[in-house]
Amino acid sequence: MPALTIVRRGLCGLPLLLLLASVWAPEAAGMPAFARKYDMSCSACHAAYPRLNAFGEAFMDANYRLPNWRQAHTLETGDDRLVLPDSVPLALRAQAWVQARDGASQIDPVTGEETSADLDFQSPYLVKLLSSAPLSDHISYYFYGIFAEKGGNGETVIEDAWFSHDDVFGSGVGMMLGQFQVSDLMFPRELRMTFQDLMAYRFAGITYDRGVLFSTAAGPVDIDLGAVNGNGIEQNFSVNSPGYRRPDHLFDNDSGKALFGRIGGQAGPLSVGLFGYDGSQANATGPAGTDDGSRATDKRVWGIDLAATTGGNAYWYGQVLWNRWDGFLDPGRSYDWMAAFAGVDWVRDERWTFSALWNYGDAGDLAGTDTVYEGIDMNTLTLGASYYFMRNVKGVLEVNLDLLDPVARSGSYYTGHLRRENYLLVGFDAAF
């Protein structure tokens, strides 16, 4: 089941959908929610789960629906103003891993205490419930909740959760309102083939947030503009200024909003985009910079992204982000740093895919600050192979090679690249 990709062009993918829907031979159901809804295989949208093909991209650009969406398993209520699926559209994704790591797995930045597990059974690593469906001719919803992730059991966390409208007031402008990843404008982390993450997005803090996004196209150029709270998705604050035990809550902790946008276009097999983000964040304070301070400091991000498909089965992608954090540690100083990644996914055939991902980080002005932000320094190469037992069930083998030499402790705290990050991972990834 596809995860969040921002609706960029409303219904501009409709001609491709109409063509493919007219010639597509439906295969067995028993797949995630979209495949069950339209009675077709996951291979209709995925070159290799979760990597999307051109049809999958067009499906998302058409607000997560095919032209026959009303006829595809919706109830006949006799009311044109009521659209109900004949069953609640649900899907599950589950992952289980065994990981062998090189060196210390955890180092306390203040005390230097190390916790190591050379061989770690990480099962379940992830259990996720997903749902999405059209609600009207122009409105769709999407959400997923996590039942377990990274060993955190006993609580449910909602990450993606939004409504989308593909033609606001007949303007041709699409809108998304809710909780989503800012970085999905470039490369959705949920659709990556590797266990290893796209670290530049995590370093820059442009993943999950709450806000609104507007999308349109001007000829061959896609334009996306949005605003988010800028403080992530974990906080909420009780409203108590009018009196006692008021029912409402605030999700934001300051009056400013973070603004972001992307301009992109396609030239043959190559797509290029320019990204910008202007917001604020709390300053870092405390031992090794591990605490949030009370000052709101300016945060700016600029980026360029590239992607290409070659030979129909090789998918190339890359991103560079330049970051400026004003007054983040010292109120009178700006801190510049950068991060990047580049990768390729090769779908060899219906059974095998191979992936490579390079992650790079340069702490720049944050180097030598004796804070955990020295750990932005990174240089790793991840190599992965997946064997597909079924369209939606794969076995994964992945190795991560740390190309950056460890550095000796140089300050009062245990920060920086003190150990290598090599690992070997094997396991299963399934969606159903």
Protein backbone atom coordinates (compact mmCIF):
# COMPACT_ATOMS: atom_id res chain seq x y z
CA MET A 1 0.00 0.00 0.00
CA PRO A 2 1.48 3.34 -0.93
CA ALA A 3 2.41 5.62 1.93
CA LEU A 4 2.15 9.39 1.88
CA THR A 5 3.20 11.23 -1.22
CA ILE A 6 2.03 14.82 -1.50
CA VAL A 7 -0.73 15.40 -4.10
CA ARG A 8 1.14 17.70 -6.46
CA ARG A 9 -0.96 18.10 -9.56
CA GLY A 10 -4.55 17.26 -8.70
CA LEU A 11 -6.06 15.43 -11.69
CA CYS A 12 -3.28 15.90 -14.23
CA GLY A 13 -2.51 12.17 -14.03
CA LEU A 14 -6.06 11.28 -15.09
CA PRO A 15 -5.32 10.55 -18.77
CA LEU A 16 -2.67 8.00 -17.83
CA LEU A 17 -5.03 6.43 -15.31
CA LEU A 18 -7.82 6.18 -17.86
CA LEU A 19 -5.52 4.52 -20.37
CA LEU A 20 -3.99 2.06 -17.94
CA ALA A 21 -7.28 1.27 -16.23
CA SER A 22 -8.80 0.39 -19.61
CA VAL A 23 -6.10 -2.16 -20.49
CA TRP A 24 -5.07 -3.46 -17.08
CA ALA A 25 -5.88 -7.11 -16.45
CA PRO A 26 -6.88 -7.44 -12.79
CA GLU A 27 -5.04 -10.11 -10.83
CA ALA A 28 -5.87 -11.82 -7.54
CA ALA A 29 -6.93 -9.65 -4.67
CA GLY A 30 -5.79 -10.31 -1.10
CA MET A 31 -3.44 -7.31 -1.27
CA PRO A 32 -3.46 -4.04 0.73
CA ALA A 33 -6.42 -1.69 0.74
CA PHE A 34 -6.04 -0.08 -2.70
CA ALA A 35 -5.42 -3.43 -4.40
CA ARG A 36 -8.44 -4.93 -2.63
CA LYS A 37 -10.61 -1.94 -3.52
CA TYR A 38 -9.85 -2.06 -7.26
CA ASP A 39 -9.30 -5.84 -7.60
CA MET A 40 -5.79 -5.64 -9.00
CA SER A 41 -2.29 -6.67 -8.03
CA CYS A 42 0.17 -4.56 -6.06
CA SER A 43 2.31 -4.67 -9.21
CA ALA A 44 -0.11 -2.21 -10.83
CA CYS A 45 1.32 0.61 -8.68
CA HIS A 46 4.63 -0.78 -7.45
CA ALA A 47 7.70 -1.66 -9.48
CA ALA A 48 8.66 -3.58 -6.35
CA TYR A 49 6.93 -2.90 -3.04
CA PRO A 50 7.21 -0.20 -1.76
CA ARG A 51 8.94 1.42 -4.80
CA LEU A 52 6.29 3.07 -7.01
CA ASN A 53 6.08 2.91 -10.79
CA ALA A 54 4.60 5.54 -13.15
CA PHE A 55 1.07 4.20 -12.66
CA GLY A 56 1.45 4.46 -8.87
CA GLU A 57 2.67 8.04 -9.17
CA ALA A 58 -0.30 8.93 -11.38
CA PHE A 59 -2.68 7.23 -8.93
CA MET A 60 -1.47 9.47 -6.13
CA ASP A 61 -1.53 12.57 -8.32
CA ALA A 62 -5.21 11.77 -8.98
CA ASN A 63 -5.92 12.03 -5.22
CA TYR A 64 -5.56 8.29 -4.54
CA ARG A 65 -8.31 7.05 -6.82
CA LEU A 66 -9.06 5.51 -10.22
CA PRO A 67 -11.73 6.95 -12.53
CA ASN A 68 -14.12 4.13 -11.54
CA TRP A 69 -13.74 4.76 -7.83
CA ARG A 70 -17.50 5.14 -7.21
CA GLN A 71 -18.21 1.77 -8.81
CA ALA A 72 -15.33 -0.01 -7.05
CA HIS A 73 -16.90 -1.48 -3.92
CA THR A 74 -18.88 1.53 -2.70
CA LEU A 75 -22.37 1.07 -1.31
CA GLU A 76 -25.37 1.98 -3.43
CA THR A 77 -27.27 4.13 -0.96
CA GLY A 78 -29.52 5.98 -3.41
CA ASP A 79 -28.03 9.21 -2.10
CA ASP A 80 -25.62 10.96 -4.47
CA ARG A 81 -24.33 13.04 -1.57
CA LEU A 82 -23.19 10.01 0.45
CA VAL A 83 -20.14 7.90 -0.46
CA LEU A 84 -19.44 4.89 1.76
CA PRO A 85 -17.02 2.03 1.01
CA ASP A 86 -18.75 -1.35 1.26
CA SER A 87 -16.13 -2.21 3.89
CA VAL A 88 -13.71 -0.16 5.93
CA PRO A 89 -10.51 0.04 3.82
CA LEU A 90 -7.69 -1.24 6.02
CA ALA A 91 -4.22 -2.64 5.46
CA LEU A 92 -1.33 -3.75 7.65
CA ARG A 93 2.42 -3.50 7.32
CA ALA A 94 4.76 -5.53 9.51
CA GLN A 95 8.53 -5.85 9.78
CA ALA A 96 10.79 -8.20 11.73
CA TRP A 97 14.60 -8.00 11.78
CA VAL A 98 17.73 -9.57 13.16
CA GLN A 99 20.57 -7.06 13.34
CA ALA A 100 24.27 -7.48 14.07
CA ARG A 101 26.06 -4.22 14.92
CA ASP A 102 29.72 -3.30 15.04
CA GLY A 103 30.80 -1.64 18.28
CA ALA A 104 28.79 0.15 20.94
CA SER A 105 25.12 0.62 20.11
CA GLN A 106 24.47 3.41 22.60
CA ILE A 107 26.78 5.92 24.29
CA ASP A 108 25.48 8.29 26.94
CA PRO A 109 26.79 11.70 25.81
CA VAL A 110 27.19 12.94 29.39
CA THR A 111 28.54 9.94 31.30
CA GLY A 112 30.04 7.93 28.44
CA GLU A 113 28.27 4.79 29.64
CA GLU A 114 27.95 2.27 26.81
CA THR A 115 25.20 -0.23 26.09
CA SER A 116 26.01 -2.87 23.49
CA ALA A 117 24.11 -5.68 21.81
CA ASP A 118 26.18 -7.19 19.03
CA LEU A 119 23.27 -9.44 17.99
CA ASP A 120 19.77 -8.04 18.40
CA PHE A 121 16.40 -9.69 17.64
CA GLN A 122 14.19 -6.80 16.51
CA SER A 123 10.83 -8.46 16.12
CA PRO A 124 8.33 -6.99 15.73
CA TYR A 125 10.17 -3.90 14.58
CA LEU A 126 7.05 -2.35 13.09
CA VAL A 127 3.32 -3.10 13.07
CA LYS A 128 1.28 -0.46 11.24
CA LEU A 129 -2.42 -0.05 10.41
CA LEU A 130 -3.24 2.00 7.30
CA SER A 131 -6.46 3.32 5.77
CA SER A 132 -7.38 5.57 2.84
CA ALA A 133 -10.41 6.15 0.61
CA PRO A 134 -12.18 8.84 -1.45
CA LEU A 135 -14.92 10.64 0.47
CA SER A 136 -16.30 12.75 -2.37
CA ASP A 137 -15.51 13.65 -5.97
CA HIS A 138 -12.57 15.75 -4.74
CA ILE A 139 -11.81 14.82 -1.12
CA SER A 140 -9.79 11.85 0.10
CA TYR A 141 -8.35 10.88 3.46
CA TYR A 142 -5.26 8.94 4.51
CA PHE A 143 -3.93 7.86 7.88
CA TYR A 144 -1.82 5.23 9.54
CA GLY A 145 -1.32 4.28 13.15
CA ILE A 146 1.65 2.44 14.60
CA PHE A 147 0.92 -0.33 17.10
CA ALA A 148 4.58 -1.13 17.67
CA GLU A 149 7.79 0.47 16.43
CA LYS A 150 11.40 0.06 17.54
CA GLY A 151 10.35 -1.96 20.56
CA GLY A 152 7.81 0.59 21.80
CA ASN A 153 4.76 -1.53 22.66
CA GLY A 154 1.60 -0.63 24.54
CA GLU A 155 0.76 2.64 22.82
CA THR A 156 -0.57 3.77 19.45
CA VAL A 157 1.13 6.58 17.55
CA ILE A 158 -0.53 8.31 14.60
CA GLU A 159 1.95 9.69 12.07
CA ASP A 160 0.42 10.44 8.66
CA ALA A 161 -3.17 11.69 9.01
CA TRP A 162 -4.67 14.15 6.53
CA PHE A 163 -7.54 15.20 4.27
CA SER A 164 -6.79 16.22 0.68
CA HIS A 165 -8.86 18.19 -1.85
CA ASP A 166 -7.68 18.13 -5.47
CA ASP A 167 -9.52 21.21 -6.80
CA VAL A 168 -10.19 23.87 -4.15
CA PHE A 169 -13.06 26.16 -5.27
CA GLY A 170 -12.55 24.95 -8.86
CA SER A 171 -9.17 26.68 -8.99
CA GLY A 172 -7.12 23.66 -10.02
CA VAL A 173 -5.15 24.00 -6.78
CA GLY A 174 -4.87 20.95 -4.54
CA MET A 175 -4.81 21.20 -0.76
CA MET A 176 -3.72 18.87 2.03
CA LEU A 177 -4.60 19.55 5.67
CA GLY A 178 -3.35 17.48 8.56
CA GLN A 179 -0.24 15.66 9.70
CA PHE A 180 2.41 14.75 7.12
CA GLN A 181 6.13 14.82 6.38
CA VAL A 182 7.48 18.05 4.89
CA SER A 183 10.28 16.01 3.29
CA ASP A 184 7.73 13.99 1.29
CA LEU A 185 7.73 16.84 -1.21
CA MET A 186 11.03 15.38 -2.39
CA PHE A 187 11.35 11.67 -1.50
CA PRO A 188 8.85 9.96 0.81
CA ARG A 189 10.77 8.10 3.50
CA GLU A 190 7.97 5.55 3.78
CA LEU A 191 8.62 4.43 0.19
CA ARG A 192 12.36 3.85 0.47
CA MET A 193 13.65 0.36 -0.27
CA THR A 194 16.32 0.31 2.46
CA PHE A 195 15.96 -0.08 6.21
CA GLN A 196 18.55 2.69 6.49
CA ASP A 197 16.87 6.09 6.52
CA LEU A 198 17.30 9.22 4.41
CA MET A 199 19.32 10.87 7.14
CA ALA A 200 19.48 14.42 5.75
CA TYR A 201 15.76 14.82 6.48
CA ARG A 202 16.09 13.57 10.04
CA PHE A 203 19.11 15.80 10.71
CA ALA A 204 17.29 18.87 9.34
CA GLY A 205 14.12 18.16 11.30
CA ILE A 206 11.80 18.38 8.28
CA THR A 207 9.89 15.14 8.74
CA TYR A 208 6.51 14.93 10.55
CA ASP A 209 4.62 18.13 11.31
CA ARG A 210 1.08 19.53 11.30
CA GLY A 211 -0.08 22.04 8.72
CA VAL A 212 -1.45 22.74 5.27
CA LEU A 213 -0.02 22.31 1.78
CA PHE A 214 -1.22 23.84 -1.51
CA SER A 215 -0.16 22.31 -4.84
CA THR A 216 -0.61 23.32 -8.45
CA ALA A 217 1.10 23.21 -11.83
CA ALA A 218 2.13 26.00 -14.19
CA GLY A 219 2.77 24.27 -17.48
CA PRO A 220 5.59 21.78 -16.92
CA VAL A 221 6.43 23.20 -13.47
CA ASP A 222 4.99 21.83 -10.22
CA ILE A 223 4.58 24.35 -7.40
CA ASP A 224 4.02 23.41 -3.75
CA LEU A 225 3.65 25.91 -0.90
CA GLY A 226 2.82 25.10 2.70
CA ALA A 227 2.88 26.13 6.33
CA VAL A 228 3.34 23.97 9.43
CA ASN A 229 3.50 24.55 13.17
CA GLY A 230 7.21 23.78 13.08
CA ASN A 231 7.38 21.85 16.36
CA GLY A 232 6.66 18.31 15.21
CA ILE A 233 3.72 16.11 16.21
CA GLU A 234 4.41 15.13 19.80
CA GLN A 235 3.36 18.23 21.75
CA ASN A 236 0.01 19.64 22.81
CA PHE A 237 -0.86 22.25 25.40
CA SER A 238 -4.05 22.75 27.41
CA VAL A 239 -5.91 26.02 26.89
CA ASN A 240 -6.35 27.51 30.37
CA SER A 241 -6.09 31.29 29.94
CA PRO A 242 -9.90 31.89 29.95
CA GLY A 243 -10.42 29.84 33.12
CA TYR A 244 -10.48 26.32 34.50
CA ARG A 245 -10.62 22.93 32.69
CA ARG A 246 -11.30 24.26 29.19
CA PRO A 247 -11.66 21.43 26.65
CA ASP A 248 -9.41 22.76 23.91
CA HIS A 249 -5.71 22.19 23.25
CA LEU A 250 -3.02 23.99 21.31
CA PHE A 251 -0.65 21.97 19.13
CA ASP A 252 1.81 24.82 18.54
CA ASN A 253 4.02 26.46 21.15
CA ASP A 254 4.65 29.81 19.45
CA SER A 255 2.80 32.29 17.24
CA GLY A 256 4.99 31.84 14.18
CA LYS A 257 4.55 29.23 11.47
CA ALA A 258 7.22 27.57 9.37
CA LEU A 259 6.82 28.22 5.64
CA PHE A 260 8.13 25.82 3.02
CA GLY A 261 7.86 25.11 -0.66
CA ARG A 262 9.22 23.33 -3.68
CA ILE A 263 9.40 24.13 -7.39
CA GLY A 264 10.06 21.17 -9.64
CA GLY A 265 9.81 19.88 -13.16
CA GLN A 266 10.44 16.94 -15.45
CA ALA A 267 12.78 16.79 -18.45
CA GLY A 268 12.49 13.38 -20.06
CA PRO A 269 13.55 10.77 -17.50
CA LEU A 270 15.06 13.44 -15.19
CA SER A 271 13.16 15.39 -12.52
CA VAL A 272 14.67 18.34 -10.65
CA GLY A 273 13.36 20.28 -7.68
CA LEU A 274 14.33 23.27 -5.54
CA PHE A 275 13.20 23.29 -1.89
CA GLY A 276 13.13 25.96 0.78
CA TYR A 277 12.05 26.10 4.45
CA ASP A 278 11.94 29.08 6.81
CA GLY A 279 10.90 28.54 10.42
CA SER A 280 12.12 28.44 13.99
CA GLN A 281 13.14 25.95 16.62
CA ALA A 282 14.05 25.97 20.30
CA ASN A 283 17.70 26.58 21.06
CA ALA A 284 19.84 23.76 22.45
CA THR A 285 21.13 23.95 25.99
CA GLY A 286 22.13 21.71 28.90
CA PRO A 287 24.87 19.06 29.00
CA ALA A 288 26.08 18.25 25.48
CA GLY A 289 23.18 20.30 24.07
CA THR A 290 20.66 17.60 24.95
CA ASP A 291 17.96 19.94 26.35
CA ASP A 292 15.58 22.36 24.64
CA GLY A 293 15.99 25.98 25.69
CA SER A 294 13.40 28.75 25.97
CA ARG A 295 14.63 30.82 23.01
CA ALA A 296 13.01 30.51 19.57
CA THR A 297 15.82 30.57 17.01
CA ASP A 298 15.61 30.95 13.23
CA LYS A 299 15.98 27.83 11.10
CA ARG A 300 16.42 27.85 7.32
CA VAL A 301 16.86 25.00 4.86
CA TRP A 302 17.64 25.10 1.12
CA GLY A 303 17.84 22.04 -1.05
CA ILE A 304 18.02 20.55 -4.52
CA ASP A 305 16.70 17.11 -5.43
CA LEU A 306 17.26 14.98 -8.52
CA ALA A 307 15.63 11.77 -9.70
CA ALA A 308 15.73 9.69 -12.86
CA THR A 309 14.54 6.37 -14.20
CA THR A 310 16.79 4.51 -16.63
CA GLY A 311 16.06 1.36 -18.56
CA GLY A 312 12.61 1.16 -16.99
CA ASN A 313 13.88 -0.70 -13.93
CA ALA A 314 16.63 1.46 -12.36
CA TYR A 315 15.52 4.34 -10.15
CA TRP A 316 18.12 6.98 -9.24
CA TYR A 317 17.60 9.73 -6.68
CA GLY A 318 19.59 12.29 -4.69
CA GLN A 319 19.17 15.24 -2.34
CA VAL A 320 21.42 17.99 -0.94
CA LEU A 321 20.29 20.19 1.97
CA TRP A 322 22.07 23.30 3.23
CA ASN A 323 21.04 24.41 6.72
CA ARG A 324 21.46 27.60 8.77
CA TRP A 325 20.49 27.63 12.46
CA ASP A 326 20.80 31.16 13.84
CA GLY A 327 21.61 31.44 17.55
CA PHE A 328 21.07 27.72 18.09
CA LEU A 329 23.86 27.41 20.69
CA ASP A 330 25.39 30.88 21.00
CA PRO A 331 22.74 33.64 20.61
CA GLY A 332 25.16 35.78 18.62
CA ARG A 333 26.24 33.16 16.09
CA SER A 334 24.84 31.39 13.04
CA TYR A 335 25.60 27.72 12.45
CA ASP A 336 25.82 26.44 8.88
CA TRP A 337 25.94 22.73 8.04
CA MET A 338 24.90 20.41 5.21
CA ALA A 339 23.76 16.87 4.54
CA ALA A 340 23.05 14.81 1.44
CA PHE A 341 22.12 11.38 0.18
CA ALA A 342 22.11 9.56 -3.15
CA GLY A 343 20.77 6.17 -4.07
CA VAL A 344 19.63 3.74 -6.72
CA ASP A 345 17.06 0.92 -6.68
CA TRP A 346 17.38 -1.74 -9.36
CA VAL A 347 14.38 -4.00 -9.94
CA ARG A 348 16.11 -6.94 -11.61
CA ASP A 349 12.98 -9.04 -12.02
CA GLU A 350 9.82 -10.08 -10.17
CA ARG A 351 11.84 -11.81 -7.44
CA TRP A 352 14.93 -9.68 -6.84
CA THR A 353 15.66 -6.01 -6.20
CA PHE A 354 18.98 -4.44 -5.24
CA SER A 355 19.55 -1.05 -3.61
CA ALA A 356 22.43 1.25 -2.72
CA LEU A 357 22.15 4.35 -0.53
CA TRP A 358 24.90 6.81 0.38
CA ASN A 359 24.30 9.10 3.36
CA TYR A 360 26.60 12.06 4.04
CA GLY A 361 26.62 14.74 6.71
CA ASP A 362 29.01 17.60 7.46
CA ALA A 363 28.44 19.22 10.87
CA GLY A 364 30.11 22.42 9.63
CA ASP A 365 29.89 25.14 12.29
CA LEU A 366 28.47 22.61 14.78
CA ALA A 367 31.76 20.68 14.76
CA GLY A 368 33.84 21.19 17.89
CA THR A 369 30.87 22.49 19.91
CA ASP A 370 31.02 19.57 22.37
CA THR A 371 27.34 18.82 21.70
CA VAL A 372 25.48 15.87 20.24
CA TYR A 373 25.13 17.88 16.99
CA GLU A 374 28.72 17.00 16.16
CA GLY A 375 27.17 13.63 15.30
CA ILE A 376 25.78 15.09 12.08
CA ASP A 377 29.14 14.08 10.60
CA MET A 378 28.32 10.94 8.60
CA ASN A 379 29.58 8.98 5.63
CA THR A 380 27.91 5.59 5.12
CA LEU A 381 27.16 3.27 2.21
CA THR A 382 24.18 0.93 2.52
CA LEU A 383 23.80 -2.08 0.21
CA GLY A 384 20.58 -4.08 0.21
CA ALA A 385 18.93 -6.99 -1.57
CA SER A 386 15.30 -8.07 -1.36
CA TYR A 387 13.80 -11.39 -2.42
CA TYR A 388 10.05 -11.30 -3.04
CA PHE A 389 8.30 -14.46 -1.89
CA MET A 390 5.09 -12.76 -3.01
CA ARG A 391 4.31 -9.29 -4.42
CA ASN A 392 3.75 -8.04 -0.88
CA VAL A 393 6.12 -10.23 1.16
CA LYS A 394 9.87 -9.91 0.92
CA GLY A 395 12.98 -11.07 2.67
CA VAL A 396 15.63 -8.40 3.19
CA LEU A 397 19.40 -8.56 3.48
CA GLU A 398 21.19 -5.28 4.14
CA VAL A 399 24.68 -4.20 5.12
CA ASN A 400 25.68 -0.71 6.22
CA LEU A 401 29.34 0.31 5.83
CA ASP A 402 30.64 3.24 7.86
CA LEU A 403 33.25 5.08 5.76
CA LEU A 404 34.01 7.73 8.39
CA ASP A 405 36.94 7.20 10.75
CA PRO A 406 36.03 7.40 14.44
CA VAL A 407 37.30 10.43 16.34
CA ALA A 408 38.65 10.53 19.86
CA ARG A 409 36.74 12.35 22.57
CA SER A 410 37.94 15.96 22.61
CA GLY A 411 35.66 17.82 25.06
CA SER A 412 33.90 17.37 28.34
CA TYR A 413 31.22 15.13 26.84
CA TYR A 414 31.08 12.00 24.72
CA THR A 415 29.98 13.44 21.41
CA GLY A 416 30.87 13.10 17.76
CA HIS A 417 31.66 10.01 15.73
CA LEU A 418 33.12 7.90 18.53
CA ARG A 419 32.25 4.48 17.04
CA ARG A 420 31.63 3.03 13.60
CA GLU A 421 28.05 2.39 12.47
CA ASN A 422 28.50 -0.86 10.54
CA TYR A 423 25.61 -3.29 10.71
CA LEU A 424 24.20 -6.40 9.03
CA LEU A 425 20.43 -6.83 8.94
CA VAL A 426 18.18 -9.66 7.77
CA GLY A 427 14.44 -10.13 8.10
CA PHE A 428 10.99 -9.78 6.59
CA ASP A 429 8.81 -6.89 5.38
CA ALA A 430 5.18 -7.50 4.44
CA ALA A 431 2.02 -5.55 3.67
CA PHE A 432 -1.39 -7.15 3.51
